[in-house]
Protein backbone atom coordinates (compact mmCIF):
# COMPACT_ATOMS: atom_id res chain seq x y z
CA UNK A 1 0.00 0.00 0.00
CA UNK A 2 2.82 2.46 0.86
CA UNK A 3 4.35 1.75 -2.54
CA UNK A 4 1.24 3.24 -4.13
CA UNK A 5 1.56 6.63 -2.39
CA UNK A 6 2.42 9.50 -4.71
CA UNK A 7 5.13 11.03 -2.50
CA UNK A 8 5.71 13.89 -4.94
CA UNK A 9 2.10 14.97 -4.51
CA UNK A 10 2.19 14.43 -0.72
CA UNK A 11 5.40 16.43 -0.30
CA UNK A 12 4.08 19.16 -2.59
CA UNK A 13 1.05 19.57 -0.33
CA UNK A 14 2.74 19.20 3.09
CA UNK A 15 6.19 20.57 2.27
CA UNK A 16 8.17 17.68 3.76
CA UNK A 17 7.84 14.31 5.50
CA UNK A 18 7.60 16.02 8.90
CA UNK A 19 4.54 18.04 7.82
CA UNK A 20 2.88 14.94 6.45
CA UNK A 21 3.63 12.89 9.55
CA UNK A 22 2.38 15.64 11.88
CA UNK A 23 -0.94 15.78 10.06
CA UNK A 24 -1.35 11.99 10.32
CA UNK A 25 -0.24 11.64 13.95
CA UNK A 26 -2.81 13.92 15.54
CA UNK A 27 -5.38 13.25 18.22
CA UNK A 28 -7.96 15.58 19.70
CA UNK A 29 -8.09 14.72 23.38
CA UNK A 30 -11.63 16.13 23.66
CA UNK A 31 -12.96 13.41 21.39
CA UNK A 32 -12.35 10.88 24.19
CA UNK A 33 -13.51 12.84 27.23
CA UNK A 34 -16.82 14.06 28.68
CA UNK A 35 -17.99 17.35 27.19
CA UNK A 36 -18.37 19.09 30.56
CA UNK A 37 -14.67 19.08 31.54
CA UNK A 38 -13.26 22.41 32.64
CA UNK A 39 -10.13 23.75 30.94
CA UNK A 40 -7.81 23.01 33.88
CA UNK A 41 -8.85 19.35 33.97
CA UNK A 42 -8.56 19.08 30.18
CA UNK A 43 -4.98 20.39 30.30
CA UNK A 44 -4.11 18.10 33.21
CA UNK A 45 -5.37 15.00 31.36
CA UNK A 46 -3.72 16.12 28.12
CA UNK A 47 -0.33 16.45 29.84
CA UNK A 48 -0.74 12.94 31.26
CA UNK A 49 -1.50 11.57 27.79
CA UNK A 50 1.50 13.47 26.42
CA UNK A 51 3.75 11.92 29.08
CA UNK A 52 2.47 8.46 28.13
CA UNK A 53 3.13 9.11 24.43
CA UNK A 54 6.68 10.22 25.26
CA UNK A 55 7.35 7.05 27.25
CA UNK A 56 5.79 4.80 24.61
CA UNK A 57 7.82 6.37 21.79
CA UNK A 58 11.04 6.09 23.84
CA UNK A 59 10.42 2.40 24.55
CA UNK A 60 9.10 1.44 21.12
CA UNK A 61 11.63 3.35 19.00
CA UNK A 62 14.76 3.95 21.12
CA UNK A 63 16.92 4.56 18.04
CA UNK A 64 14.79 7.54 16.89
CA UNK A 65 14.23 11.08 18.14
CA UNK A 66 10.75 12.60 18.20
CA UNK A 67 8.92 15.87 18.80
CA UNK A 68 5.60 15.71 20.72
CA UNK A 69 3.40 18.81 20.58
CA UNK A 70 0.42 19.65 22.79
CA UNK A 71 -1.70 22.68 21.92
CA UNK A 72 -4.66 23.85 24.00
CA UNK A 73 -7.23 26.60 23.87
CA UNK A 74 -10.19 27.10 26.19
CA UNK A 75 -12.17 24.25 24.64
CA UNK A 76 -9.82 21.84 22.85
CA UNK A 77 -6.54 20.02 23.28
CA UNK A 78 -4.63 18.46 20.40
CA UNK A 79 -1.59 16.18 20.52
CA UNK A 80 0.72 15.57 17.57
CA UNK A 81 4.08 13.93 17.12
CA UNK A 82 6.65 13.40 14.43
CA UNK A 83 10.05 11.87 13.99
CA UNK A 84 12.98 14.32 14.14
CA UNK A 85 14.60 14.42 10.70
CA UNK A 86 17.90 16.13 9.98
CA UNK A 87 17.32 18.86 7.43
CA UNK A 88 13.62 19.23 8.26
CA UNK A 89 13.61 20.15 11.94
CA UNK A 90 10.45 20.59 14.00
CA UNK A 91 7.03 20.84 12.36
CA UNK A 92 6.13 23.73 14.64
CA UNK A 93 8.36 26.72 15.27
CA UNK A 94 9.78 26.34 18.77
CA UNK A 95 9.33 30.04 19.58
CA UNK A 96 6.28 29.49 21.79
CA UNK A 97 5.66 33.21 22.32
CA UNK A 98 4.28 33.52 18.79
CA UNK A 99 1.26 31.26 19.42
CA UNK A 100 -2.13 32.40 20.74
CA UNK A 101 -2.99 28.95 22.12
CA UNK A 102 -1.05 27.32 24.93
CA UNK A 103 1.62 25.05 23.48
CA UNK A 104 3.95 22.50 25.06
CA UNK A 105 6.71 20.86 23.01
CA UNK A 106 8.71 17.85 24.23
CA UNK A 107 11.78 16.56 22.45
CA UNK A 108 12.58 12.87 22.78
CA UNK A 109 16.25 12.34 22.08
PDB file of N, CA and C in Angstrom:
ATOM      1  N   UNK A   1       0.823  -1.189   0.000  1.00  0.00           N
ATOM      2  CA  UNK A   1       0.000   0.000   0.000  1.00  0.00           C
ATOM      3  C   UNK A   1       0.876   1.265   0.000  1.00  0.00           C
ATOM      4  N   UNK A   2       1.932   1.295   0.811  1.00  0.00           N
ATOM      5  CA  UNK A   2       2.817   2.460   0.864  1.00  0.00           C
ATOM      6  C   UNK A   2       3.478   2.694  -0.489  1.00  0.00           C
ATOM      7  N   UNK A   3       3.737   1.621  -1.227  1.00  0.00           N
ATOM      8  CA  UNK A   3       4.354   1.747  -2.544  1.00  0.00           C
ATOM      9  C   UNK A   3       3.468   2.512  -3.515  1.00  0.00           C
ATOM     10  N   UNK A   4       2.183   2.573  -3.241  1.00  0.00           N
ATOM     11  CA  UNK A   4       1.236   3.243  -4.132  1.00  0.00           C
ATOM     12  C   UNK A   4       1.064   4.725  -3.817  1.00  0.00           C
ATOM     13  N   UNK A   5       1.689   5.221  -2.762  1.00  0.00           N
ATOM     14  CA  UNK A   5       1.559   6.634  -2.389  1.00  0.00           C
ATOM     15  C   UNK A   5       2.351   7.493  -3.359  1.00  0.00           C
ATOM     16  N   UNK A   6       1.741   8.541  -3.841  1.00  0.00           N
ATOM     17  CA  UNK A   6       2.416   9.504  -4.712  1.00  0.00           C
ATOM     18  C   UNK A   6       3.129  10.518  -3.820  1.00  0.00           C
ATOM     19  N   UNK A   7       4.389  10.192  -3.444  1.00  0.00           N
ATOM     20  CA  UNK A   7       5.128  11.033  -2.499  1.00  0.00           C
ATOM     21  C   UNK A   7       5.395  12.426  -3.047  1.00  0.00           C
ATOM     22  N   UNK A   8       5.531  12.559  -4.346  1.00  0.00           N
ATOM     23  CA  UNK A   8       5.711  13.889  -4.938  1.00  0.00           C
ATOM     24  C   UNK A   8       4.523  14.780  -4.656  1.00  0.00           C
ATOM     25  N   UNK A   9       3.326  14.231  -4.799  1.00  0.00           N
ATOM     26  CA  UNK A   9       2.099  14.973  -4.508  1.00  0.00           C
ATOM     27  C   UNK A   9       1.976  15.274  -3.016  1.00  0.00           C
ATOM     28  N   UNK A  10       2.266  14.263  -2.187  1.00  0.00           N
ATOM     29  CA  UNK A  10       2.187  14.434  -0.723  1.00  0.00           C
ATOM     30  C   UNK A  10       3.151  15.527  -0.268  1.00  0.00           C
ATOM     31  N   UNK A  11       4.395  15.440  -0.714  1.00  0.00           N
ATOM     32  CA  UNK A  11       5.399  16.425  -0.297  1.00  0.00           C
ATOM     33  C   UNK A  11       5.096  17.803  -0.864  1.00  0.00           C
ATOM     34  N   UNK A  12       4.488  17.868  -2.037  1.00  0.00           N
ATOM     35  CA  UNK A  12       4.076  19.158  -2.593  1.00  0.00           C
ATOM     36  C   UNK A  12       3.012  19.822  -1.738  1.00  0.00           C
ATOM     37  N   UNK A  13       2.123  19.027  -1.173  1.00  0.00           N
ATOM     38  CA  UNK A  13       1.052  19.566  -0.330  1.00  0.00           C
ATOM     39  C   UNK A  13       1.548  19.920   1.069  1.00  0.00           C
ATOM     40  N   UNK A  14       2.325  19.018   1.698  1.00  0.00           N
ATOM     41  CA  UNK A  14       2.735  19.199   3.095  1.00  0.00           C
ATOM     42  C   UNK A  14       4.102  19.859   3.255  1.00  0.00           C
ATOM     43  N   UNK A  15       4.889  19.920   2.195  1.00  0.00           N
ATOM     44  CA  UNK A  15       6.188  20.573   2.272  1.00  0.00           C
ATOM     45  C   UNK A  15       7.338  19.621   2.544  1.00  0.00           C
ATOM     46  N   UNK A  16       7.130  18.654   3.438  1.00  0.00           N
ATOM     47  CA  UNK A  16       8.167  17.678   3.761  1.00  0.00           C
ATOM     48  C   UNK A  16       7.535  16.498   4.498  1.00  0.00           C
ATOM     49  N   UNK A  17       8.350  15.491   4.806  1.00  0.00           N
ATOM     50  CA  UNK A  17       7.837  14.307   5.503  1.00  0.00           C
ATOM     51  C   UNK A  17       7.333  14.652   6.905  1.00  0.00           C
ATOM     52  N   UNK A  18       7.991  15.609   7.548  1.00  0.00           N
ATOM     53  CA  UNK A  18       7.597  16.020   8.896  1.00  0.00           C
ATOM     54  C   UNK A  18       6.193  16.612   8.891  1.00  0.00           C
ATOM     55  N   UNK A  19       5.885  17.464   7.926  1.00  0.00           N
ATOM     56  CA  UNK A  19       4.544  18.042   7.818  1.00  0.00           C
ATOM     57  C   UNK A  19       3.484  16.984   7.589  1.00  0.00           C
ATOM     58  N   UNK A  20       3.807  16.031   6.712  1.00  0.00           N
ATOM     59  CA  UNK A  20       2.877  14.938   6.445  1.00  0.00           C
ATOM     60  C   UNK A  20       2.645  14.097   7.697  1.00  0.00           C
ATOM     61  N   UNK A  21       3.731  13.726   8.359  1.00  0.00           N
ATOM     62  CA  UNK A  21       3.625  12.886   9.547  1.00  0.00           C
ATOM     63  C   UNK A  21       2.852  13.596  10.666  1.00  0.00           C
ATOM     64  N   UNK A  22       3.088  14.880  10.845  1.00  0.00           N
ATOM     65  CA  UNK A  22       2.384  15.642  11.885  1.00  0.00           C
ATOM     66  C   UNK A  22       0.885  15.696  11.626  1.00  0.00           C
ATOM     67  N   UNK A  23       0.494  15.744  10.358  1.00  0.00           N
ATOM     68  CA  UNK A  23      -0.938  15.776  10.057  1.00  0.00           C
ATOM     69  C   UNK A  23      -1.585  14.421  10.279  1.00  0.00           C
ATOM     70  N   UNK A  24      -0.816  13.342  10.110  1.00  0.00           N
ATOM     71  CA  UNK A  24      -1.352  11.989  10.319  1.00  0.00           C
ATOM     72  C   UNK A  24      -1.382  11.602  11.797  1.00  0.00           C
ATOM     73  N   UNK A  25      -0.388  12.026  12.545  1.00  0.00           N
ATOM     74  CA  UNK A  25      -0.243  11.638  13.953  1.00  0.00           C
ATOM     75  C   UNK A  25      -0.816  12.713  14.866  1.00  0.00           C
ATOM     76  N   UNK A  26      -2.102  12.893  14.769  1.00  0.00           N
ATOM     77  CA  UNK A  26      -2.805  13.918  15.540  1.00  0.00           C
ATOM     78  C   UNK A  26      -4.002  13.290  16.239  1.00  0.00           C
ATOM     79  N   UNK A  27      -4.210  13.707  17.481  1.00  0.00           N
ATOM     80  CA  UNK A  27      -5.384  13.247  18.223  1.00  0.00           C
ATOM     81  C   UNK A  27      -5.963  14.427  18.995  1.00  0.00           C
ATOM     82  N   UNK A  28      -7.268  14.572  18.901  1.00  0.00           N
ATOM     83  CA  UNK A  28      -7.963  15.581  19.702  1.00  0.00           C
ATOM     84  C   UNK A  28      -8.403  14.911  20.995  1.00  0.00           C
ATOM     85  N   UNK A  29      -7.818  15.328  22.072  1.00  0.00           N
ATOM     86  CA  UNK A  29      -8.094  14.722  23.376  1.00  0.00           C
ATOM     87  C   UNK A  29      -9.582  14.824  23.716  1.00  0.00           C
ATOM     88  N   UNK A  30     -10.214  15.919  23.353  1.00  0.00           N
ATOM     89  CA  UNK A  30     -11.631  16.134  23.661  1.00  0.00           C
ATOM     90  C   UNK A  30     -12.539  15.047  23.108  1.00  0.00           C
ATOM     91  N   UNK A  31     -12.120  14.435  22.013  1.00  0.00           N
ATOM     92  CA  UNK A  31     -12.957  13.411  21.393  1.00  0.00           C
ATOM     93  C   UNK A  31     -13.133  12.176  22.282  1.00  0.00           C
ATOM     94  N   UNK A  32     -12.325  12.062  23.329  1.00  0.00           N
ATOM     95  CA  UNK A  32     -12.346  10.880  24.189  1.00  0.00           C
ATOM     96  C   UNK A  32     -12.723  11.194  25.636  1.00  0.00           C
ATOM     97  N   UNK A  33     -13.197  12.408  25.865  1.00  0.00           N
ATOM     98  CA  UNK A  33     -13.514  12.844  27.232  1.00  0.00           C
ATOM     99  C   UNK A  33     -14.923  13.397  27.309  1.00  0.00           C
ATOM    100  N   UNK A  34     -15.494  13.447  28.514  1.00  0.00           N
ATOM    101  CA  UNK A  34     -16.816  14.061  28.676  1.00  0.00           C
ATOM    102  C   UNK A  34     -16.796  15.532  28.241  1.00  0.00           C
ATOM    103  N   UNK A  35     -17.900  15.986  27.712  1.00  0.00           N
ATOM    104  CA  UNK A  35     -17.992  17.353  27.195  1.00  0.00           C
ATOM    105  C   UNK A  35     -17.934  18.425  28.281  1.00  0.00           C
ATOM    106  N   UNK A  36     -18.247  18.076  29.513  1.00  0.00           N
ATOM    107  CA  UNK A  36     -18.369  19.090  30.563  1.00  0.00           C
ATOM    108  C   UNK A  36     -17.079  19.310  31.361  1.00  0.00           C
ATOM    109  N   UNK A  37     -15.941  18.872  30.843  1.00  0.00           N
ATOM    110  CA  UNK A  37     -14.668  19.082  31.542  1.00  0.00           C
ATOM    111  C   UNK A  37     -14.288  20.559  31.527  1.00  0.00           C
ATOM    112  N   UNK A  38     -13.767  21.036  32.652  1.00  0.00           N
ATOM    113  CA  UNK A  38     -13.262  22.410  32.639  1.00  0.00           C
ATOM    114  C   UNK A  38     -11.862  22.421  32.029  1.00  0.00           C
ATOM    115  N   UNK A  39     -11.399  23.598  31.645  1.00  0.00           N
ATOM    116  CA  UNK A  39     -10.126  23.749  30.941  1.00  0.00           C
ATOM    117  C   UNK A  39      -8.950  23.221  31.749  1.00  0.00           C
ATOM    118  N   UNK A  40      -8.917  23.487  33.048  1.00  0.00           N
ATOM    119  CA  UNK A  40      -7.810  23.011  33.881  1.00  0.00           C
ATOM    120  C   UNK A  40      -7.712  21.488  33.868  1.00  0.00           C
ATOM    121  N   UNK A  41      -8.846  20.817  33.980  1.00  0.00           N
ATOM    122  CA  UNK A  41      -8.847  19.350  33.975  1.00  0.00           C
ATOM    123  C   UNK A  41      -8.455  18.816  32.593  1.00  0.00           C
ATOM    124  N   UNK A  42      -8.926  19.468  31.543  1.00  0.00           N
ATOM    125  CA  UNK A  42      -8.565  19.078  30.184  1.00  0.00           C
ATOM    126  C   UNK A  42      -7.048  19.158  29.981  1.00  0.00           C
ATOM    127  N   UNK A  43      -6.437  20.224  30.427  1.00  0.00           N
ATOM    128  CA  UNK A  43      -4.985  20.387  30.295  1.00  0.00           C
ATOM    129  C   UNK A  43      -4.255  19.336  31.131  1.00  0.00           C
ATOM    130  N   UNK A  44      -4.741  19.098  32.340  1.00  0.00           N
ATOM    131  CA  UNK A  44      -4.115  18.097  33.207  1.00  0.00           C
ATOM    132  C   UNK A  44      -4.130  16.711  32.555  1.00  0.00           C
ATOM    133  N   UNK A  45      -5.253  16.306  32.021  1.00  0.00           N
ATOM    134  CA  UNK A  45      -5.366  15.004  31.356  1.00  0.00           C
ATOM    135  C   UNK A  45      -4.498  14.976  30.100  1.00  0.00           C
ATOM    136  N   UNK A  46      -4.506  16.051  29.353  1.00  0.00           N
ATOM    137  CA  UNK A  46      -3.715  16.119  28.119  1.00  0.00           C
ATOM    138  C   UNK A  46      -2.223  15.978  28.402  1.00  0.00           C
ATOM    139  N   UNK A  47      -1.745  16.590  29.466  1.00  0.00           N
ATOM    140  CA  UNK A  47      -0.333  16.453  29.837  1.00  0.00           C
ATOM    141  C   UNK A  47      -0.007  15.019  30.245  1.00  0.00           C
ATOM    142  N   UNK A  48      -0.953  14.345  30.903  1.00  0.00           N
ATOM    143  CA  UNK A  48      -0.744  12.941  31.260  1.00  0.00           C
ATOM    144  C   UNK A  48      -0.666  12.059  30.014  1.00  0.00           C
ATOM    145  N   UNK A  49      -1.534  12.327  29.046  1.00  0.00           N
ATOM    146  CA  UNK A  49      -1.500  11.570  27.794  1.00  0.00           C
ATOM    147  C   UNK A  49      -0.185  11.851  27.058  1.00  0.00           C
ATOM    148  N   UNK A  50       0.228  13.095  27.055  1.00  0.00           N
ATOM    149  CA  UNK A  50       1.496  13.470  26.421  1.00  0.00           C
ATOM    150  C   UNK A  50       2.660  12.707  27.053  1.00  0.00           C
ATOM    151  N   UNK A  51       2.693  12.656  28.378  1.00  0.00           N
ATOM    152  CA  UNK A  51       3.746  11.917  29.075  1.00  0.00           C
ATOM    153  C   UNK A  51       3.754  10.450  28.667  1.00  0.00           C
ATOM    154  N   UNK A  52       2.576   9.871  28.527  1.00  0.00           N
ATOM    155  CA  UNK A  52       2.466   8.456  28.128  1.00  0.00           C
ATOM    156  C   UNK A  52       2.975   8.263  26.708  1.00  0.00           C
ATOM    157  N   UNK A  53       2.636   9.187  25.807  1.00  0.00           N
ATOM    158  CA  UNK A  53       3.132   9.111  24.428  1.00  0.00           C
ATOM    159  C   UNK A  53       4.653   9.166  24.417  1.00  0.00           C
ATOM    160  N   UNK A  54       5.222  10.075  25.191  1.00  0.00           N
ATOM    161  CA  UNK A  54       6.683  10.222  25.259  1.00  0.00           C
ATOM    162  C   UNK A  54       7.314   8.906  25.692  1.00  0.00           C
ATOM    163  N   UNK A  55       6.796   8.320  26.750  1.00  0.00           N
ATOM    164  CA  UNK A  55       7.354   7.054  27.251  1.00  0.00           C
ATOM    165  C   UNK A  55       7.193   5.932  26.232  1.00  0.00           C
ATOM    166  N   UNK A  56       6.047   5.846  25.596  1.00  0.00           N
ATOM    167  CA  UNK A  56       5.793   4.796  24.612  1.00  0.00           C
ATOM    168  C   UNK A  56       6.726   4.937  23.410  1.00  0.00           C
ATOM    169  N   UNK A  57       6.913   6.152  22.925  1.00  0.00           N
ATOM    170  CA  UNK A  57       7.819   6.367  21.794  1.00  0.00           C
ATOM    171  C   UNK A  57       9.259   6.025  22.163  1.00  0.00           C
ATOM    172  N   UNK A  58       9.680   6.412  23.380  1.00  0.00           N
ATOM    173  CA  UNK A  58      11.041   6.086  23.835  1.00  0.00           C
ATOM    174  C   UNK A  58      11.262   4.574  23.875  1.00  0.00           C
ATOM    175  N   UNK A  59      10.289   3.849  24.417  1.00  0.00           N
ATOM    176  CA  UNK A  59      10.423   2.402  24.554  1.00  0.00           C
ATOM    177  C   UNK A  59      10.285   1.667  23.218  1.00  0.00           C
ATOM    178  N   UNK A  60       9.382   2.132  22.374  1.00  0.00           N
ATOM    179  CA  UNK A  60       9.105   1.438  21.121  1.00  0.00           C
ATOM    180  C   UNK A  60      10.138   1.726  20.033  1.00  0.00           C
ATOM    181  N   UNK A  61      10.703   2.928  20.050  1.00  0.00           N
ATOM    182  CA  UNK A  61      11.634   3.352  18.998  1.00  0.00           C
ATOM    183  C   UNK A  61      12.851   4.041  19.612  1.00  0.00           C
ATOM    184  N   UNK A  62      13.650   3.318  20.399  1.00  0.00           N
ATOM    185  CA  UNK A  62      14.762   3.947  21.117  1.00  0.00           C
ATOM    186  C   UNK A  62      15.842   4.533  20.205  1.00  0.00           C
ATOM    187  N   UNK A  63      15.895   4.078  18.961  1.00  0.00           N
ATOM    188  CA  UNK A  63      16.916   4.563  18.039  1.00  0.00           C
ATOM    189  C   UNK A  63      16.519   5.877  17.356  1.00  0.00           C
ATOM    190  N   UNK A  64      15.291   6.327  17.544  1.00  0.00           N
ATOM    191  CA  UNK A  64      14.794   7.540  16.888  1.00  0.00           C
ATOM    192  C   UNK A  64      14.576   8.677  17.882  1.00  0.00           C
ATOM    193  N   UNK A  65      14.598   9.883  17.362  1.00  0.00           N
ATOM    194  CA  UNK A  65      14.234  11.079  18.144  1.00  0.00           C
ATOM    195  C   UNK A  65      12.884  11.575  17.634  1.00  0.00           C
ATOM    196  N   UNK A  66      12.088  12.137  18.544  1.00  0.00           N
ATOM    197  CA  UNK A  66      10.750  12.602  18.197  1.00  0.00           C
ATOM    198  C   UNK A  66      10.482  13.972  18.806  1.00  0.00           C
ATOM    199  N   UNK A  67       9.482  14.640  18.249  1.00  0.00           N
ATOM    200  CA  UNK A  67       8.923  15.869  18.802  1.00  0.00           C
ATOM    201  C   UNK A  67       7.451  15.584  19.099  1.00  0.00           C
ATOM    202  N   UNK A  68       7.009  15.870  20.331  1.00  0.00           N
ATOM    203  CA  UNK A  68       5.605  15.711  20.718  1.00  0.00           C
ATOM    204  C   UNK A  68       5.076  17.101  21.054  1.00  0.00           C
ATOM    205  N   UNK A  69       3.940  17.458  20.468  1.00  0.00           N
ATOM    206  CA  UNK A  69       3.400  18.807  20.583  1.00  0.00           C
ATOM    207  C   UNK A  69       1.989  18.746  21.164  1.00  0.00           C
ATOM    208  N   UNK A  70       1.750  19.500  22.208  1.00  0.00           N
ATOM    209  CA  UNK A  70       0.419  19.652  22.795  1.00  0.00           C
ATOM    210  C   UNK A  70      -0.002  21.101  22.625  1.00  0.00           C
ATOM    211  N   UNK A  71      -1.153  21.318  22.015  1.00  0.00           N
ATOM    212  CA  UNK A  71      -1.699  22.675  21.924  1.00  0.00           C
ATOM    213  C   UNK A  71      -3.093  22.679  22.541  1.00  0.00           C
ATOM    214  N   UNK A  72      -3.384  23.731  23.284  1.00  0.00           N
ATOM    215  CA  UNK A  72      -4.663  23.845  24.001  1.00  0.00           C
ATOM    216  C   UNK A  72      -5.217  25.253  23.856  1.00  0.00           C
ATOM    217  N   UNK A  73      -6.532  25.329  23.706  1.00  0.00           N
ATOM    218  CA  UNK A  73      -7.228  26.600  23.867  1.00  0.00           C
ATOM    219  C   UNK A  73      -8.264  26.382  24.967  1.00  0.00           C
ATOM    220  N   UNK A  74      -9.229  27.234  25.091  1.00  0.00           N
ATOM    221  CA  UNK A  74     -10.193  27.099  26.187  1.00  0.00           C
ATOM    222  C   UNK A  74     -11.065  25.853  26.069  1.00  0.00           C
ATOM    223  N   UNK A  75     -11.236  25.344  24.860  1.00  0.00           N
ATOM    224  CA  UNK A  75     -12.175  24.248  24.643  1.00  0.00           C
ATOM    225  C   UNK A  75     -11.574  22.954  24.116  1.00  0.00           C
ATOM    226  N   UNK A  76     -10.376  23.003  23.542  1.00  0.00           N
ATOM    227  CA  UNK A  76      -9.825  21.843  22.847  1.00  0.00           C
ATOM    228  C   UNK A  76      -8.357  21.633  23.171  1.00  0.00           C
ATOM    229  N   UNK A  77      -7.950  20.379  23.143  1.00  0.00           N
ATOM    230  CA  UNK A  77      -6.539  20.020  23.282  1.00  0.00           C
ATOM    231  C   UNK A  77      -6.200  19.037  22.172  1.00  0.00           C
ATOM    232  N   UNK A  78      -5.067  19.282  21.519  1.00  0.00           N
ATOM    233  CA  UNK A  78      -4.633  18.455  20.399  1.00  0.00           C
ATOM    234  C   UNK A  78      -3.195  18.020  20.623  1.00  0.00           C
ATOM    235  N   UNK A  79      -2.943  16.729  20.440  1.00  0.00           N
ATOM    236  CA  UNK A  79      -1.591  16.177  20.517  1.00  0.00           C
ATOM    237  C   UNK A  79      -1.154  15.737  19.125  1.00  0.00           C
ATOM    238  N   UNK A  80       0.109  16.013  18.810  1.00  0.00           N
ATOM    239  CA  UNK A  80       0.722  15.569  17.565  1.00  0.00           C
ATOM    240  C   UNK A  80       2.130  15.085  17.887  1.00  0.00           C
ATOM    241  N   UNK A  81       2.662  14.257  17.009  1.00  0.00           N
ATOM    242  CA  UNK A  81       4.077  13.930  17.125  1.00  0.00           C
ATOM    243  C   UNK A  81       4.641  13.645  15.750  1.00  0.00           C
ATOM    244  N   UNK A  82       5.955  13.769  15.652  1.00  0.00           N
ATOM    245  CA  UNK A  82       6.651  13.401  14.429  1.00  0.00           C
ATOM    246  C   UNK A  82       8.080  13.017  14.760  1.00  0.00           C
ATOM    247  N   UNK A  83       8.652  12.259  13.877  1.00  0.00           N
ATOM    248  CA  UNK A  83      10.051  11.875  13.990  1.00  0.00           C
ATOM    249  C   UNK A  83      10.917  13.094  13.685  1.00  0.00           C
ATOM    250  N   UNK A  84      12.024  13.244  14.417  1.00  0.00           N
ATOM    251  CA  UNK A  84      12.981  14.319  14.137  1.00  0.00           C
ATOM    252  C   UNK A  84      13.818  13.885  12.930  1.00  0.00           C
ATOM    253  N   UNK A  85      13.829  14.708  11.906  1.00  0.00           N
ATOM    254  CA  UNK A  85      14.598  14.420  10.704  1.00  0.00           C
ATOM    255  C   UNK A  85      15.607  15.531  10.475  1.00  0.00           C
ATOM    256  N   UNK A  86      16.876  15.142  10.307  1.00  0.00           N
ATOM    257  CA  UNK A  86      17.896  16.132   9.975  1.00  0.00           C
ATOM    258  C   UNK A  86      17.497  16.821   8.669  1.00  0.00           C
ATOM    259  N   UNK A  87      17.651  18.112   8.634  1.00  0.00           N
ATOM    260  CA  UNK A  87      17.322  18.862   7.432  1.00  0.00           C
ATOM    261  C   UNK A  87      15.884  19.346   7.383  1.00  0.00           C
ATOM    262  N   UNK A  88      15.012  18.790   8.232  1.00  0.00           N
ATOM    263  CA  UNK A  88      13.617  19.227   8.258  1.00  0.00           C
ATOM    264  C   UNK A  88      13.290  19.950   9.558  1.00  0.00           C
ATOM    265  N   UNK A  89      13.860  19.501  10.657  1.00  0.00           N
ATOM    266  CA  UNK A  89      13.609  20.148  11.938  1.00  0.00           C
ATOM    267  C   UNK A  89      12.219  19.874  12.471  1.00  0.00           C
ATOM    268  N   UNK A  90      11.764  20.744  13.357  1.00  0.00           N
ATOM    269  CA  UNK A  90      10.453  20.587  14.000  1.00  0.00           C
ATOM    270  C   UNK A  90       9.345  21.092  13.082  1.00  0.00           C
ATOM    271  N   UNK A  91       8.191  20.430  13.146  1.00  0.00           N
ATOM    272  CA  UNK A  91       7.029  20.841  12.360  1.00  0.00           C
ATOM    273  C   UNK A  91       6.557  22.220  12.796  1.00  0.00           C
ATOM    274  N   UNK A  92       6.623  22.472  14.084  1.00  0.00           N
ATOM    275  CA  UNK A  92       6.130  23.727  14.645  1.00  0.00           C
ATOM    276  C   UNK A  92       7.320  24.549  15.113  1.00  0.00           C
ATOM    277  N   UNK A  93       7.308  25.820  14.806  1.00  0.00           N
ATOM    278  CA  UNK A  93       8.356  26.719  15.273  1.00  0.00           C
ATOM    279  C   UNK A  93       8.426  26.652  16.797  1.00  0.00           C
ATOM    280  N   UNK A  94       9.621  26.523  17.331  1.00  0.00           N
ATOM    281  CA  UNK A  94       9.778  26.340  18.768  1.00  0.00           C
ATOM    282  C   UNK A  94       9.743  27.644  19.562  1.00  0.00           C
ATOM    283  N   UNK A  95       9.501  28.767  18.901  1.00  0.00           N
ATOM    284  CA  UNK A  95       9.330  30.044  19.580  1.00  0.00           C
ATOM    285  C   UNK A  95       7.881  30.123  20.064  1.00  0.00           C
ATOM    286  N   UNK A  96       7.644  29.637  21.274  1.00  0.00           N
ATOM    287  CA  UNK A  96       6.279  29.494  21.786  1.00  0.00           C
ATOM    288  C   UNK A  96       5.558  30.821  21.997  1.00  0.00           C
ATOM    289  N   UNK A  97       6.283  31.906  22.098  1.00  0.00           N
ATOM    290  CA  UNK A  97       5.659  33.213  22.320  1.00  0.00           C
ATOM    291  C   UNK A  97       4.806  33.662  21.142  1.00  0.00           C
ATOM    292  N   UNK A  98       5.010  33.088  19.980  1.00  0.00           N
ATOM    293  CA  UNK A  98       4.283  33.520  18.790  1.00  0.00           C
ATOM    294  C   UNK A  98       2.878  32.923  18.684  1.00  0.00           C
ATOM    295  N   UNK A  99       2.534  31.950  19.531  1.00  0.00           N
ATOM    296  CA  UNK A  99       1.258  31.263  19.424  1.00  0.00           C
ATOM    297  C   UNK A  99       0.217  31.847  20.378  1.00  0.00           C
ATOM    298  N   UNK A 100      -1.027  31.938  19.896  1.00  0.00           N
ATOM    299  CA  UNK A 100      -2.125  32.402  20.736  1.00  0.00           C
ATOM    300  C   UNK A 100      -2.561  31.315  21.720  1.00  0.00           C
ATOM    301  N   UNK A 101      -2.601  30.066  21.263  1.00  0.00           N
ATOM    302  CA  UNK A 101      -2.992  28.947  22.122  1.00  0.00           C
ATOM    303  C   UNK A 101      -1.809  28.524  22.983  1.00  0.00           C
ATOM    304  N   UNK A 102      -2.107  27.875  24.090  1.00  0.00           N
ATOM    305  CA  UNK A 102      -1.046  27.315  24.928  1.00  0.00           C
ATOM    306  C   UNK A 102      -0.408  26.151  24.187  1.00  0.00           C
ATOM    307  N   UNK A 103       0.903  26.090  24.189  1.00  0.00           N
ATOM    308  CA  UNK A 103       1.617  25.050  23.476  1.00  0.00           C
ATOM    309  C   UNK A 103       2.723  24.496  24.384  1.00  0.00           C
ATOM    310  N   UNK A 104       2.867  23.169  24.351  1.00  0.00           N
ATOM    311  CA  UNK A 104       3.954  22.499  25.058  1.00  0.00           C
ATOM    312  C   UNK A 104       4.631  21.583  24.042  1.00  0.00           C
ATOM    313  N   UNK A 105       5.956  21.695  23.929  1.00  0.00           N
ATOM    314  CA  UNK A 105       6.714  20.860  23.007  1.00  0.00           C
ATOM    315  C   UNK A 105       7.727  20.055  23.794  1.00  0.00           C
ATOM    316  N   UNK A 106       7.741  18.744  23.568  1.00  0.00           N
ATOM    317  CA  UNK A 106       8.715  17.854  24.228  1.00  0.00           C
ATOM    318  C   UNK A 106       9.558  17.194  23.168  1.00  0.00           C
ATOM    319  N   UNK A 107      10.852  17.248  23.348  1.00  0.00           N
ATOM    320  CA  UNK A 107      11.778  16.557  22.453  1.00  0.00           C
ATOM    321  C   UNK A 107      12.175  15.232  23.096  1.00  0.00           C
ATOM    322  N   UNK A 108      12.139  14.180  22.320  1.00  0.00           N
ATOM    323  CA  UNK A 108      12.578  12.867  22.782  1.00  0.00           C
ATOM    324  C   UNK A 108      13.854  12.558  22.021  1.00  0.00           C
ATOM    325  N   UNK A 109      14.941  12.552  22.728  1.00  0.00           N
ATOM    326  CA  UNK A 109      16.249  12.341  22.080  1.00  0.00           C
ATOM    327  C   UNK A 109      16.828  11.017  22.550  1.00  0.00           C
TER     328      UNK A 109
END
